[in-house]
């Protein structure tokens, strides 16, 4: 296709939108409020059970994520001059450990020494 050809929307095929069962199309009331979504009570009981089960599963998943975040790491950026960064990198290489581990240990040691 050359840069001068122009495509029209009629040349592309699109699928029709899928209608969700139980959702009412929003309409504007006279006072400007939109009606809230109310679930269709004519749903079969097994569909309601599925939705209840899925909401329980999503609650359980959120709780698991919260429990995991309690032990999550929090990051701190440190601006180092060139010489200090070089020394840190050399120390981490010689000690066969990461620069992060050295920084964590140094921060803990500083906080312990100062009573924090």
PDB file of N, CA and C in Angstrom:
ATOM      1  N   UNK A   1       0.848  -1.180   0.000  1.00  0.00           N
ATOM      2  CA  UNK A   1       0.000   0.000   0.000  1.00  0.00           C
ATOM      3  C   UNK A   1       0.884   1.230   0.000  1.00  0.00           C
ATOM      4  N   UNK A   2       0.626   2.120  -0.893  1.00  0.00           N
ATOM      5  CA  UNK A   2       1.432   3.334  -0.936  1.00  0.00           C
ATOM      6  C   UNK A   2       0.884   4.340   0.052  1.00  0.00           C
ATOM      7  N   UNK A   3       1.672   5.370   0.350  1.00  0.00           N
ATOM      8  CA  UNK A   3       1.286   6.376   1.318  1.00  0.00           C
ATOM      9  C   UNK A   3       0.140   7.252   0.851  1.00  0.00           C
ATOM     10  N   UNK A   4      -0.150   7.261  -0.443  1.00  0.00           N
ATOM     11  CA  UNK A   4      -1.187   8.148  -0.976  1.00  0.00           C
ATOM     12  C   UNK A   4      -2.578   7.517  -0.934  1.00  0.00           C
ATOM     13  N   UNK A   5      -2.664   6.186  -0.785  1.00  0.00           N
ATOM     14  CA  UNK A   5      -3.975   5.541  -0.740  1.00  0.00           C
ATOM     15  C   UNK A   5      -4.651   5.844   0.584  1.00  0.00           C
ATOM     16  N   UNK A   6      -5.934   6.114   0.503  1.00  0.00           N
ATOM     17  CA  UNK A   6      -6.711   6.415   1.703  1.00  0.00           C
ATOM     18  C   UNK A   6      -7.767   5.339   1.866  1.00  0.00           C
ATOM     19  N   UNK A   7      -7.842   4.769   3.059  1.00  0.00           N
ATOM     20  CA  UNK A   7      -8.824   3.736   3.342  1.00  0.00           C
ATOM     21  C   UNK A   7     -10.044   4.371   4.000  1.00  0.00           C
ATOM     22  N   UNK A   8     -11.202   3.833   3.666  1.00  0.00           N
ATOM     23  CA  UNK A   8     -12.427   4.316   4.306  1.00  0.00           C
ATOM     24  C   UNK A   8     -12.868   3.294   5.355  1.00  0.00           C
ATOM     25  N   UNK A   9     -13.756   3.713   6.212  1.00  0.00           N
ATOM     26  CA  UNK A   9     -14.247   2.822   7.257  1.00  0.00           C
ATOM     27  C   UNK A   9     -15.062   1.670   6.689  1.00  0.00           C
ATOM     28  N   UNK A  10     -15.632   1.868   5.510  1.00  0.00           N
ATOM     29  CA  UNK A  10     -16.442   0.815   4.897  1.00  0.00           C
ATOM     30  C   UNK A  10     -15.598  -0.389   4.491  1.00  0.00           C
ATOM     31  N   UNK A  11     -14.300  -0.207   4.338  1.00  0.00           N
ATOM     32  CA  UNK A  11     -13.426  -1.304   3.921  1.00  0.00           C
ATOM     33  C   UNK A  11     -13.081  -2.243   5.070  1.00  0.00           C
ATOM     34  N   UNK A  12     -13.355  -1.848   6.296  1.00  0.00           N
ATOM     35  CA  UNK A  12     -13.053  -2.674   7.458  1.00  0.00           C
ATOM     36  C   UNK A  12     -14.336  -3.298   7.981  1.00  0.00           C
ATOM     37  N   UNK A  13     -14.266  -4.595   8.274  1.00  0.00           N
ATOM     38  CA  UNK A  13     -15.429  -5.257   8.854  1.00  0.00           C
ATOM     39  C   UNK A  13     -15.285  -5.253  10.375  1.00  0.00           C
ATOM     40  N   UNK A  14     -16.372  -4.973  11.041  1.00  0.00           N
ATOM     41  CA  UNK A  14     -16.356  -4.966  12.496  1.00  0.00           C
ATOM     42  C   UNK A  14     -17.474  -5.851  13.007  1.00  0.00           C
ATOM     43  N   UNK A  15     -17.240  -6.453  14.145  1.00  0.00           N
ATOM     44  CA  UNK A  15     -18.252  -7.318  14.753  1.00  0.00           C
ATOM     45  C   UNK A  15     -19.251  -6.456  15.507  1.00  0.00           C
ATOM     46  N   UNK A  16     -20.489  -6.873  15.544  1.00  0.00           N
ATOM     47  CA  UNK A  16     -21.480  -6.100  16.314  1.00  0.00           C
ATOM     48  C   UNK A  16     -21.183  -6.231  17.806  1.00  0.00           C
ATOM     49  N   UNK A  17     -21.599  -5.228  18.562  1.00  0.00           N
ATOM     50  CA  UNK A  17     -21.378  -5.258  20.007  1.00  0.00           C
ATOM     51  C   UNK A  17     -22.228  -6.341  20.634  1.00  0.00           C
ATOM     52  N   UNK A  18     -21.646  -7.004  21.630  1.00  0.00           N
ATOM     53  CA  UNK A  18     -22.345  -8.067  22.325  1.00  0.00           C
ATOM     54  C   UNK A  18     -23.219  -7.453  23.414  1.00  0.00           C
ATOM     55  N   UNK A  19     -24.466  -7.833  23.463  1.00  0.00           N
ATOM     56  CA  UNK A  19     -25.372  -7.334  24.494  1.00  0.00           C
ATOM     57  C   UNK A  19     -25.241  -8.218  25.715  1.00  0.00           C
ATOM     58  N   UNK A  20     -25.024  -7.619  26.883  1.00  0.00           N
ATOM     59  CA  UNK A  20     -24.918  -8.380  28.126  1.00  0.00           C
ATOM     60  C   UNK A  20     -26.321  -8.604  28.683  1.00  0.00           C
ATOM     61  N   UNK A  21     -26.628  -9.845  29.085  1.00  0.00           N
ATOM     62  CA  UNK A  21     -27.956 -10.096  29.648  1.00  0.00           C
ATOM     63  C   UNK A  21     -28.071  -9.448  31.025  1.00  0.00           C
ATOM     64  N   UNK A  22     -29.239  -8.898  31.313  1.00  0.00           N
ATOM     65  CA  UNK A  22     -29.483  -8.332  32.626  1.00  0.00           C
ATOM     66  C   UNK A  22     -29.101  -6.875  32.767  1.00  0.00           C
ATOM     67  N   UNK A  23     -28.441  -6.282  31.786  1.00  0.00           N
ATOM     68  CA  UNK A  23     -28.086  -4.878  31.872  1.00  0.00           C
ATOM     69  C   UNK A  23     -29.130  -4.048  31.142  1.00  0.00           C
ATOM     70  N   UNK A  24     -29.535  -3.004  31.791  1.00  0.00           N
ATOM     71  CA  UNK A  24     -30.514  -2.101  31.209  1.00  0.00           C
ATOM     72  C   UNK A  24     -29.758  -0.925  30.611  1.00  0.00           C
ATOM     73  N   UNK A  25     -30.140  -0.542  29.408  1.00  0.00           N
ATOM     74  CA  UNK A  25     -29.480   0.596  28.774  1.00  0.00           C
ATOM     75  C   UNK A  25     -29.757   1.842  29.599  1.00  0.00           C
ATOM     76  N   UNK A  26     -28.737   2.656  29.883  1.00  0.00           N
ATOM     77  CA  UNK A  26     -28.956   3.840  30.715  1.00  0.00           C
ATOM     78  C   UNK A  26     -29.801   4.864  29.987  1.00  0.00           C
ATOM     79  N   UNK A  27     -30.752   5.411  30.707  1.00  0.00           N
ATOM     80  CA  UNK A  27     -31.572   6.483  30.150  1.00  0.00           C
ATOM     81  C   UNK A  27     -31.524   7.638  31.124  1.00  0.00           C
ATOM     82  N   UNK A  28     -31.644   8.824  30.607  1.00  0.00           N
ATOM     83  CA  UNK A  28     -31.553  10.017  31.441  1.00  0.00           C
ATOM     84  C   UNK A  28     -32.939  10.358  31.951  1.00  0.00           C
ATOM     85  N   UNK A  29     -33.044  10.506  33.280  1.00  0.00           N
ATOM     86  CA  UNK A  29     -34.314  10.903  33.879  1.00  0.00           C
ATOM     87  C   UNK A  29     -34.476  12.410  33.749  1.00  0.00           C
ATOM     88  N   UNK A  30     -35.647  12.882  34.102  1.00  0.00           N
ATOM     89  CA  UNK A  30     -35.928  14.303  34.021  1.00  0.00           C
ATOM     90  C   UNK A  30     -35.066  15.118  34.968  1.00  0.00           C
ATOM     91  N   UNK A  31     -34.682  14.555  36.137  1.00  0.00           N
ATOM     92  CA  UNK A  31     -33.891  15.319  37.097  1.00  0.00           C
ATOM     93  C   UNK A  31     -32.394  15.200  36.851  1.00  0.00           C
ATOM     94  N   UNK A  32     -31.990  14.538  35.793  1.00  0.00           N
ATOM     95  CA  UNK A  32     -30.580  14.465  35.435  1.00  0.00           C
ATOM     96  C   UNK A  32     -29.849  13.278  36.043  1.00  0.00           C
ATOM     97  N   UNK A  33     -30.525  12.452  36.843  1.00  0.00           N
ATOM     98  CA  UNK A  33     -29.870  11.284  37.423  1.00  0.00           C
ATOM     99  C   UNK A  33     -29.984  10.118  36.469  1.00  0.00           C
ATOM    100  N   UNK A  34     -28.950   9.266  36.514  1.00  0.00           N
ATOM    101  CA  UNK A  34     -28.984   8.061  35.709  1.00  0.00           C
ATOM    102  C   UNK A  34     -29.457   6.918  36.590  1.00  0.00           C
ATOM    103  N   UNK A  35     -30.259   6.021  36.078  1.00  0.00           N
ATOM    104  CA  UNK A  35     -30.728   4.904  36.897  1.00  0.00           C
ATOM    105  C   UNK A  35     -29.574   3.962  37.225  1.00  0.00           C
ATOM    106  N   UNK A  36     -29.627   3.388  38.397  1.00  0.00           N
ATOM    107  CA  UNK A  36     -28.606   2.428  38.803  1.00  0.00           C
ATOM    108  C   UNK A  36     -28.916   1.087  38.170  1.00  0.00           C
ATOM    109  N   UNK A  37     -27.859   0.278  38.004  1.00  0.00           N
ATOM    110  CA  UNK A  37     -28.021  -1.059  37.456  1.00  0.00           C
ATOM    111  C   UNK A  37     -28.647  -1.947  38.520  1.00  0.00           C
ATOM    112  N   UNK A  38     -29.761  -2.548  38.177  1.00  0.00           N
ATOM    113  CA  UNK A  38     -30.377  -3.507  39.083  1.00  0.00           C
ATOM    114  C   UNK A  38     -30.337  -4.856  38.408  1.00  0.00           C
ATOM    115  N   UNK A  39     -29.850  -5.879  39.108  1.00  0.00           N
ATOM    116  CA  UNK A  39     -29.749  -7.192  38.478  1.00  0.00           C
ATOM    117  C   UNK A  39     -31.125  -7.727  38.117  1.00  0.00           C
ATOM    118  N   UNK A  40     -31.167  -8.432  37.033  1.00  0.00           N
ATOM    119  CA  UNK A  40     -32.410  -9.013  36.551  1.00  0.00           C
ATOM    120  C   UNK A  40     -32.798 -10.157  37.479  1.00  0.00           C
ATOM    121  N   UNK A  41     -33.949 -10.056  38.124  1.00  0.00           N
ATOM    122  CA  UNK A  41     -34.386 -11.083  39.075  1.00  0.00           C
ATOM    123  C   UNK A  41     -34.874 -12.331  38.358  1.00  0.00           C
ATOM    124  N   UNK A  42     -35.021 -12.273  37.043  1.00  0.00           N
ATOM    125  CA  UNK A  42     -35.475 -13.447  36.309  1.00  0.00           C
ATOM    126  C   UNK A  42     -34.311 -14.368  35.960  1.00  0.00           C
ATOM    127  N   UNK A  43     -33.105 -14.041  36.470  1.00  0.00           N
ATOM    128  CA  UNK A  43     -31.955 -14.910  36.225  1.00  0.00           C
ATOM    129  C   UNK A  43     -32.191 -16.256  36.882  1.00  0.00           C
ATOM    130  N   UNK A  44     -31.741 -17.318  36.258  1.00  0.00           N
ATOM    131  CA  UNK A  44     -31.858 -18.624  36.896  1.00  0.00           C
ATOM    132  C   UNK A  44     -31.009 -18.662  38.176  1.00  0.00           C
ATOM    133  N   UNK A  45     -31.392 -19.457  39.159  1.00  0.00           N
ATOM    134  CA  UNK A  45     -30.651 -19.508  40.428  1.00  0.00           C
ATOM    135  C   UNK A  45     -29.198 -19.919  40.258  1.00  0.00           C
ATOM    136  N   UNK A  46     -28.901 -20.769  39.275  1.00  0.00           N
ATOM    137  CA  UNK A  46     -27.512 -21.194  39.098  1.00  0.00           C
ATOM    138  C   UNK A  46     -26.631 -20.034  38.634  1.00  0.00           C
ATOM    139  N   UNK A  47     -27.200 -19.086  37.865  1.00  0.00           N
ATOM    140  CA  UNK A  47     -26.434 -17.906  37.463  1.00  0.00           C
ATOM    141  C   UNK A  47     -26.141 -17.019  38.665  1.00  0.00           C
ATOM    142  N   UNK A  48     -27.130 -16.882  39.571  1.00  0.00           N
ATOM    143  CA  UNK A  48     -26.895 -16.094  40.780  1.00  0.00           C
ATOM    144  C   UNK A  48     -25.832 -16.744  41.650  1.00  0.00           C
ATOM    145  N   UNK A  49     -25.862 -18.077  41.733  1.00  0.00           N
ATOM    146  CA  UNK A  49     -24.855 -18.797  42.518  1.00  0.00           C
ATOM    147  C   UNK A  49     -23.468 -18.586  41.922  1.00  0.00           C
ATOM    148  N   UNK A  50     -23.383 -18.597  40.582  1.00  0.00           N
ATOM    149  CA  UNK A  50     -22.095 -18.367  39.919  1.00  0.00           C
ATOM    150  C   UNK A  50     -21.562 -16.981  40.248  1.00  0.00           C
ATOM    151  N   UNK A  51     -22.447 -15.981  40.203  1.00  0.00           N
ATOM    152  CA  UNK A  51     -21.996 -14.621  40.483  1.00  0.00           C
ATOM    153  C   UNK A  51     -21.581 -14.481  41.943  1.00  0.00           C
ATOM    154  N   UNK A  52     -22.306 -15.135  42.866  1.00  0.00           N
ATOM    155  CA  UNK A  52     -21.922 -15.101  44.273  1.00  0.00           C
ATOM    156  C   UNK A  52     -20.584 -15.784  44.486  1.00  0.00           C
ATOM    157  N   UNK A  53     -20.384 -16.927  43.811  1.00  0.00           N
ATOM    158  CA  UNK A  53     -19.130 -17.650  43.932  1.00  0.00           C
ATOM    159  C   UNK A  53     -17.981 -16.831  43.378  1.00  0.00           C
ATOM    160  N   UNK A  54     -18.216 -16.168  42.246  1.00  0.00           N
ATOM    161  CA  UNK A  54     -17.139 -15.370  41.658  1.00  0.00           C
ATOM    162  C   UNK A  54     -16.813 -14.170  42.535  1.00  0.00           C
ATOM    163  N   UNK A  55     -17.829 -13.576  43.188  1.00  0.00           N
ATOM    164  CA  UNK A  55     -17.532 -12.449  44.074  1.00  0.00           C
ATOM    165  C   UNK A  55     -16.778 -12.924  45.311  1.00  0.00           C
ATOM    166  N   UNK A  56     -17.103 -14.111  45.819  1.00  0.00           N
ATOM    167  CA  UNK A  56     -16.355 -14.672  46.947  1.00  0.00           C
ATOM    168  C   UNK A  56     -14.916 -14.965  46.537  1.00  0.00           C
ATOM    169  N   UNK A  57     -14.741 -15.466  45.319  1.00  0.00           N
ATOM    170  CA  UNK A  57     -13.396 -15.764  44.835  1.00  0.00           C
ATOM    171  C   UNK A  57     -12.585 -14.483  44.679  1.00  0.00           C
ATOM    172  N   UNK A  58     -13.217 -13.425  44.197  1.00  0.00           N
ATOM    173  CA  UNK A  58     -12.487 -12.166  44.034  1.00  0.00           C
ATOM    174  C   UNK A  58     -12.128 -11.575  45.390  1.00  0.00           C
ATOM    175  N   UNK A  59     -13.015 -11.739  46.395  1.00  0.00           N
ATOM    176  CA  UNK A  59     -12.688 -11.288  47.745  1.00  0.00           C
ATOM    177  C   UNK A  59     -11.488 -12.040  48.290  1.00  0.00           C
ATOM    178  N   UNK A  60     -11.486 -13.358  48.104  1.00  0.00           N
ATOM    179  CA  UNK A  60     -10.374 -14.182  48.583  1.00  0.00           C
ATOM    180  C   UNK A  60      -9.079 -13.784  47.889  1.00  0.00           C
ATOM    181  N   UNK A  61      -9.145 -13.501  46.598  1.00  0.00           N
ATOM    182  CA  UNK A  61      -7.957 -13.086  45.855  1.00  0.00           C
ATOM    183  C   UNK A  61      -7.419 -11.766  46.369  1.00  0.00           C
ATOM    184  N   UNK A  62      -8.316 -10.805  46.662  1.00  0.00           N
ATOM    185  CA  UNK A  62      -7.880  -9.527  47.230  1.00  0.00           C
ATOM    186  C   UNK A  62      -7.200  -9.722  48.577  1.00  0.00           C
ATOM    187  N   UNK A  63      -7.747 -10.621  49.400  1.00  0.00           N
ATOM    188  CA  UNK A  63      -7.150 -10.881  50.709  1.00  0.00           C
ATOM    189  C   UNK A  63      -5.767 -11.489  50.569  1.00  0.00           C
ATOM    190  N   UNK A  64      -5.606 -12.392  49.608  1.00  0.00           N
ATOM    191  CA  UNK A  64      -4.290 -12.997  49.372  1.00  0.00           C
ATOM    192  C   UNK A  64      -3.299 -11.938  48.918  1.00  0.00           C
ATOM    193  N   UNK A  65      -3.733 -11.041  48.037  1.00  0.00           N
ATOM    194  CA  UNK A  65      -2.846  -9.974  47.558  1.00  0.00           C
ATOM    195  C   UNK A  65      -2.448  -9.048  48.693  1.00  0.00           C
ATOM    196  N   UNK A  66      -3.393  -8.714  49.591  1.00  0.00           N
ATOM    197  CA  UNK A  66      -3.066  -7.860  50.743  1.00  0.00           C
ATOM    198  C   UNK A  66      -2.051  -8.538  51.646  1.00  0.00           C
ATOM    199  N   UNK A  67      -2.245  -9.833  51.896  1.00  0.00           N
ATOM    200  CA  UNK A  67      -1.312 -10.572  52.755  1.00  0.00           C
ATOM    201  C   UNK A  67       0.077 -10.602  52.131  1.00  0.00           C
ATOM    202  N   UNK A  68       0.142 -10.732  50.816  1.00  0.00           N
ATOM    203  CA  UNK A  68       1.431 -10.747  50.132  1.00  0.00           C
ATOM    204  C   UNK A  68       2.105  -9.382  50.198  1.00  0.00           C
ATOM    205  N   UNK A  69       1.304  -8.305  50.136  1.00  0.00           N
ATOM    206  CA  UNK A  69       1.868  -6.956  50.152  1.00  0.00           C
ATOM    207  C   UNK A  69       2.422  -6.571  51.514  1.00  0.00           C
ATOM    208  N   UNK A  70       1.994  -7.255  52.590  1.00  0.00           N
ATOM    209  CA  UNK A  70       2.506  -6.924  53.914  1.00  0.00           C
ATOM    210  C   UNK A  70       4.005  -7.133  53.992  1.00  0.00           C
ATOM    211  N   UNK A  71       4.522  -8.132  53.300  1.00  0.00           N
ATOM    212  CA  UNK A  71       5.953  -8.394  53.319  1.00  0.00           C
ATOM    213  C   UNK A  71       6.674  -7.837  52.105  1.00  0.00           C
ATOM    214  N   UNK A  72       6.008  -6.987  51.353  1.00  0.00           N
ATOM    215  CA  UNK A  72       6.591  -6.469  50.112  1.00  0.00           C
ATOM    216  C   UNK A  72       7.709  -5.478  50.392  1.00  0.00           C
ATOM    217  N   UNK A  73       8.617  -5.378  49.467  1.00  0.00           N
ATOM    218  CA  UNK A  73       9.726  -4.445  49.571  1.00  0.00           C
ATOM    219  C   UNK A  73       9.272  -3.046  49.208  1.00  0.00           C
ATOM    220  N   UNK A  74       9.881  -2.084  49.838  1.00  0.00           N
ATOM    221  CA  UNK A  74       9.646  -0.682  49.510  1.00  0.00           C
ATOM    222  C   UNK A  74      10.982  -0.097  49.094  1.00  0.00           C
ATOM    223  N   UNK A  75      10.985   0.667  48.037  1.00  0.00           N
ATOM    224  CA  UNK A  75      12.218   1.136  47.447  1.00  0.00           C
ATOM    225  C   UNK A  75      12.560   2.558  47.880  1.00  0.00           C
ATOM    226  N   UNK A  76      13.862   2.797  47.998  1.00  0.00           N
ATOM    227  CA  UNK A  76      14.377   4.125  48.307  1.00  0.00           C
ATOM    228  C   UNK A  76      15.483   4.411  47.305  1.00  0.00           C
ATOM    229  N   UNK A  77      15.432   5.556  46.684  1.00  0.00           N
ATOM    230  CA  UNK A  77      16.482   5.954  45.754  1.00  0.00           C
ATOM    231  C   UNK A  77      17.529   6.764  46.501  1.00  0.00           C
ATOM    232  N   UNK A  78      18.781   6.478  46.205  1.00  0.00           N
ATOM    233  CA  UNK A  78      19.886   7.187  46.851  1.00  0.00           C
ATOM    234  C   UNK A  78      20.763   7.787  45.771  1.00  0.00           C
ATOM    235  N   UNK A  79      21.009   9.069  45.880  1.00  0.00           N
ATOM    236  CA  UNK A  79      21.866   9.752  44.919  1.00  0.00           C
ATOM    237  C   UNK A  79      23.300   9.722  45.457  1.00  0.00           C
ATOM    238  N   UNK A  80      24.187   9.003  44.781  1.00  0.00           N
ATOM    239  CA  UNK A  80      25.574   8.870  45.217  1.00  0.00           C
ATOM    240  C   UNK A  80      26.499   9.601  44.258  1.00  0.00           C
ATOM    241  N   UNK A  81      27.579  10.120  44.823  1.00  0.00           N
ATOM    242  CA  UNK A  81      28.579  10.708  43.931  1.00  0.00           C
ATOM    243  C   UNK A  81      29.327   9.568  43.238  1.00  0.00           C
ATOM    244  N   UNK A  82      30.078   9.905  42.216  1.00  0.00           N
ATOM    245  CA  UNK A  82      30.731   8.913  41.374  1.00  0.00           C
ATOM    246  C   UNK A  82      31.693   8.029  42.160  1.00  0.00           C
ATOM    247  N   UNK A  83      32.482   8.625  43.058  1.00  0.00           N
ATOM    248  CA  UNK A  83      33.484   7.866  43.811  1.00  0.00           C
ATOM    249  C   UNK A  83      32.818   6.867  44.767  1.00  0.00           C
ATOM    250  N   UNK A  84      31.763   7.314  45.450  1.00  0.00           N
ATOM    251  CA  UNK A  84      31.071   6.419  46.385  1.00  0.00           C
ATOM    252  C   UNK A  84      30.424   5.261  45.636  1.00  0.00           C
ATOM    253  N   UNK A  85      29.838   5.542  44.506  1.00  0.00           N
ATOM    254  CA  UNK A  85      29.214   4.483  43.693  1.00  0.00           C
ATOM    255  C   UNK A  85      30.273   3.495  43.224  1.00  0.00           C
ATOM    256  N   UNK A  86      31.433   3.985  42.819  1.00  0.00           N
ATOM    257  CA  UNK A  86      32.515   3.104  42.372  1.00  0.00           C
ATOM    258  C   UNK A  86      32.970   2.211  43.515  1.00  0.00           C
ATOM    259  N   UNK A  87      33.122   2.790  44.714  1.00  0.00           N
ATOM    260  CA  UNK A  87      33.543   2.007  45.878  1.00  0.00           C
ATOM    261  C   UNK A  87      32.496   0.956  46.247  1.00  0.00           C
ATOM    262  N   UNK A  88      31.229   1.322  46.178  1.00  0.00           N
ATOM    263  CA  UNK A  88      30.151   0.381  46.469  1.00  0.00           C
ATOM    264  C   UNK A  88      30.153  -0.768  45.475  1.00  0.00           C
ATOM    265  N   UNK A  89      30.341  -0.449  44.222  1.00  0.00           N
ATOM    266  CA  UNK A  89      30.366  -1.475  43.179  1.00  0.00           C
ATOM    267  C   UNK A  89      31.557  -2.412  43.364  1.00  0.00           C
ATOM    268  N   UNK A  90      32.713  -1.859  43.706  1.00  0.00           N
ATOM    269  CA  UNK A  90      33.903  -2.666  43.945  1.00  0.00           C
ATOM    270  C   UNK A  90      33.703  -3.571  45.164  1.00  0.00           C
ATOM    271  N   UNK A  91      33.114  -3.026  46.228  1.00  0.00           N
ATOM    272  CA  UNK A  91      32.865  -3.831  47.435  1.00  0.00           C
ATOM    273  C   UNK A  91      31.897  -4.968  47.130  1.00  0.00           C
ATOM    274  N   UNK A  92      30.857  -4.690  46.370  1.00  0.00           N
ATOM    275  CA  UNK A  92      29.897  -5.741  46.052  1.00  0.00           C
ATOM    276  C   UNK A  92      30.536  -6.827  45.197  1.00  0.00           C
ATOM    277  N   UNK A  93      31.452  -6.436  44.312  1.00  0.00           N
ATOM    278  CA  UNK A  93      32.147  -7.414  43.478  1.00  0.00           C
ATOM    279  C   UNK A  93      33.080  -8.269  44.330  1.00  0.00           C
ATOM    280  N   UNK A  94      33.863  -7.621  45.204  1.00  0.00           N
ATOM    281  CA  UNK A  94      34.826  -8.355  46.036  1.00  0.00           C
ATOM    282  C   UNK A  94      34.126  -9.268  47.042  1.00  0.00           C
ATOM    283  N   UNK A  95      33.003  -8.824  47.586  1.00  0.00           N
ATOM    284  CA  UNK A  95      32.287  -9.625  48.591  1.00  0.00           C
ATOM    285  C   UNK A  95      31.315 -10.615  47.944  1.00  0.00           C
ATOM    286  N   UNK A  96      31.203 -10.586  46.642  1.00  0.00           N
ATOM    287  CA  UNK A  96      30.311 -11.457  45.882  1.00  0.00           C
ATOM    288  C   UNK A  96      28.870 -11.338  46.390  1.00  0.00           C
ATOM    289  N   UNK A  97      28.419 -10.107  46.542  1.00  0.00           N
ATOM    290  CA  UNK A  97      27.058  -9.812  46.962  1.00  0.00           C
ATOM    291  C   UNK A  97      26.549  -8.620  46.151  1.00  0.00           C
ATOM    292  N   UNK A  98      25.304  -8.301  46.321  1.00  0.00           N
ATOM    293  CA  UNK A  98      24.742  -7.193  45.541  1.00  0.00           C
ATOM    294  C   UNK A  98      24.951  -5.866  46.254  1.00  0.00           C
ATOM    295  N   UNK A  99      24.934  -4.796  45.487  1.00  0.00           N
ATOM    296  CA  UNK A  99      25.033  -3.456  46.067  1.00  0.00           C
ATOM    297  C   UNK A  99      23.823  -3.193  46.965  1.00  0.00           C
ATOM    298  N   UNK A 100      22.685  -3.722  46.586  1.00  0.00           N
ATOM    299  CA  UNK A 100      21.472  -3.544  47.375  1.00  0.00           C
ATOM    300  C   UNK A 100      21.629  -4.171  48.752  1.00  0.00           C
ATOM    301  N   UNK A 101      22.201  -5.374  48.823  1.00  0.00           N
ATOM    302  CA  UNK A 101      22.385  -6.040  50.112  1.00  0.00           C
ATOM    303  C   UNK A 101      23.314  -5.231  51.008  1.00  0.00           C
ATOM    304  N   UNK A 102      24.360  -4.650  50.428  1.00  0.00           N
ATOM    305  CA  UNK A 102      25.282  -3.819  51.206  1.00  0.00           C
ATOM    306  C   UNK A 102      24.565  -2.581  51.728  1.00  0.00           C
ATOM    307  N   UNK A 103      23.775  -1.941  50.877  1.00  0.00           N
ATOM    308  CA  UNK A 103      23.038  -0.751  51.288  1.00  0.00           C
ATOM    309  C   UNK A 103      22.024  -1.078  52.390  1.00  0.00           C
ATOM    310  N   UNK A 104      21.309  -2.188  52.263  1.00  0.00           N
ATOM    311  CA  UNK A 104      20.344  -2.583  53.286  1.00  0.00           C
ATOM    312  C   UNK A 104      21.034  -2.808  54.624  1.00  0.00           C
ATOM    313  N   UNK A 105      22.169  -3.515  54.591  1.00  0.00           N
ATOM    314  CA  UNK A 105      22.906  -3.795  55.827  1.00  0.00           C
ATOM    315  C   UNK A 105      23.423  -2.500  56.453  1.00  0.00           C
ATOM    316  N   UNK A 106      23.932  -1.592  55.633  1.00  0.00           N
ATOM    317  CA  UNK A 106      24.457  -0.323  56.139  1.00  0.00           C
ATOM    318  C   UNK A 106      23.343   0.521  56.758  1.00  0.00           C
ATOM    319  N   UNK A 107      22.179   0.530  56.144  1.00  0.00           N
ATOM    320  CA  UNK A 107      21.057   1.312  56.665  1.00  0.00           C
ATOM    321  C   UNK A 107      20.589   0.720  57.993  1.00  0.00           C
ATOM    322  N   UNK A 108      20.453  -0.616  58.051  1.00  0.00           N
ATOM    323  CA  UNK A 108      20.061  -1.257  59.305  1.00  0.00           C
ATOM    324  C   UNK A 108      21.063  -0.959  60.414  1.00  0.00           C
ATOM    325  N   UNK A 109      22.353  -1.055  60.090  1.00  0.00           N
ATOM    326  CA  UNK A 109      23.415  -0.799  61.077  1.00  0.00           C
ATOM    327  C   UNK A 109      23.335   0.649  61.570  1.00  0.00           C
ATOM    328  N   UNK A 110      23.116   1.590  60.682  1.00  0.00           N
ATOM    329  CA  UNK A 110      22.997   3.000  61.049  1.00  0.00           C
ATOM    330  C   UNK A 110      21.791   3.224  61.960  1.00  0.00           C
ATOM    331  N   UNK A 111      20.654   2.649  61.598  1.00  0.00           N
ATOM    332  CA  UNK A 111      19.435   2.824  62.397  1.00  0.00           C
ATOM    333  C   UNK A 111      19.567   2.182  63.776  1.00  0.00           C
ATOM    334  N   UNK A 112      20.193   1.024  63.829  1.00  0.00           N
ATOM    335  CA  UNK A 112      20.414   0.359  65.125  1.00  0.00           C
ATOM    336  C   UNK A 112      21.345   1.172  66.007  1.00  0.00           C
ATOM    337  N   UNK A 113      22.410   1.707  65.405  1.00  0.00           N
ATOM    338  CA  UNK A 113      23.396   2.476  66.168  1.00  0.00           C
ATOM    339  C   UNK A 113      22.790   3.771  66.731  1.00  0.00           C
ATOM    340  N   UNK A 114      21.805   4.313  66.043  1.00  0.00           N
ATOM    341  CA  UNK A 114      21.183   5.560  66.477  1.00  0.00           C
ATOM    342  C   UNK A 114      19.873   5.356  67.227  1.00  0.00           C
ATOM    343  N   UNK A 115      19.553   4.118  67.557  1.00  0.00           N
ATOM    344  CA  UNK A 115      18.393   3.818  68.373  1.00  0.00           C
ATOM    345  C   UNK A 115      17.059   3.919  67.682  1.00  0.00           C
ATOM    346  N   UNK A 116      16.994   3.706  66.387  1.00  0.00           N
ATOM    347  CA  UNK A 116      15.721   3.746  65.665  1.00  0.00           C
ATOM    348  C   UNK A 116      15.205   2.369  65.383  1.00  0.00           C
TER     349      UNK A 116
END
